[in-house]
């Protein structure tokens, strides 16, 4: 399996989410928004239930979602930002079961990773985003933009991804190659006479 890349252009990320919103595919819209804003692996994202994000007693969305990561077994608490909550709020009246990403075909079950890939892949092609973009790209997108905007400390990003080193995080996000590209493309030693 080829390594996926983050969606580096925020306009393309917006186009990807709006692709579903314009078609009234709210579940898929929420998949993109939550995937990009929580940095969860697709396996953890698809296991989310409404009870994880919505407090029935208070009749309001939770400020945080706490999960046990499928891959690592570690417990992680993630703050739900306004974009995530607004997307969930939009979809909430249309919920059809306990899972957020409920399948249209499997009674009450969550969609599979394969189906999530088909959803994202089809939209990426339709929107015209180049590169190796798939479900895991949503997880990488959060980190890429946090890193390149310098809005979040690399140490915090490393902790969010459970990485052991700065270099692992740089490689994971594809930042090292971006840095090299900027260095090569930005260096103008002289203008050749033509």
Foldseek 3Di string as FASTA:
>chain_A
DDAFAAQADVVLLVLLLVVCVVVVNLLLSLLSQCLQQFLAQPVFLQPAWVVQFADPVVRAGDQWGWDQHPVPRHIDITGQDPSNRVSCVVCVVVDDEGTSQADPPPRRHHDDQVVQFVSSVVSCVVSVPDGRDGSNNSSLNNLLCCVVVVVDDLVVSCVSVVHDDSVVNCVSNVVVVVVVVCVVVVDDPDDDDD
